[in-house]
Amino acid sequence: MTNRRLNLLSLDGGGVRGLSTLYILRHILEAIDRENPPKPCEYFNLIGGSGSGGVIAIMLGRLQMDIDQCIMAYSRLLKRVFARKRQFPLNSSLRVRPKYEIRRVGSAVRAILRELGLDEDMLLRDEDPSCRVFVCITDNSSRKMVPLTSYASKYCSTELYKTTRVWEAAEASFAIGSLFDPVTIGPSKRQFHDSTLEANNPMREVWIEARGVWYSGSLENQLRCMVSIGTGVPSIKRFTRGAFGTRTSQKDAIDTDAETNKFIQEHTELDDDHRLFRFDVPNGLADIGLDGVKEVDTVVDATQDYLTKELVYKQIIRCGRALDR
């Protein structure tokens, strides 16, 4: 038991629904200390995220924000990014352009850095990380998903590790293909976009990265607690017949629930020992668009309703105790 010291946090993607993640996490931290909830960076050794979860991971881990700071900053970011769509939906070649400008994400993150008194070109790389951070991104050419890390990782290229700035990492993580253009980062000028189709629920990626960092001995034996937070259980949709055969919607492709079940099956002993927790609002969020900034109140209300359920409340308390034992 004395070797169980590691706490891991996995954050799903969900755009506007990422606020749900933060409200759930606030309740977990309040279960540790209701009067003075700790910063996530003080309790989690590794935070990994996909899509909006990646941006939140950067704020909580690399920028060491407290949960209320992060809720306010992320809310402002959403308004800034989704405030208006492009005026001209077609480019010079008359091709349809994504609805929003990804540079607004970078601009919002740089503003947050300035507010915190930090260099707006601060690197994601952290020389002495007490809380390691990574975001999932996908190479636009190879379609291969890679982690963009604040620490040396065998899965993140040395070039990206040494040169990527915080705001660039946030842009790449948030560059949802249907809404934004891909992002060019690094000296090699490669393009990247989000990994929400490949790993919207990055539990497995968090586990793989943790295993690479703490490689001396079994990760299971070193783990105190792993927490995974979703952004709403996907709704069940019917298959539709298109011109080239059967298709599914993007919501079908992003089955975060299936990934959770598979991970628990592979690590059932962690679940049995109450060292693995998954929180995800089952109703009221799934059909809110990634850019549904006008439905922020609905996101908050549905999450608060979920958190008042007796079973969820008890799980939150157990989770807080597991993190603090």
Foldseek 3Di string as FASTA:
>chain_A
DVLAQAEEEEEFAFFLLSLLVLVLVVLLQCLQPVVDRAQPLVQHQEYEYFAVSQLLLCCRFVVVDRSVLSSVLSLVLLCQFLVAFDPDQADPVRDGAAGTELVSQLVSQLVVCVVSVHHSQAALADPDGSYKYWYWKAFPVVRDIAIQINYDFPRHDPQSNPHHGSSQRNSQRNQPPNHYDWGFDGPVRTTIHTCQLPPSGCPVVRVVRVCRVPVPDDVVVNHLAYEYEYSEAADDDDWDADPVGTDDDSSVSRHNVVVVVVVCVVVVVCVVVLRYYYYHQHDQGNPQHSSNSVCSVSSVVSSVVVCPDPVNVVNSSSSSVSSVD
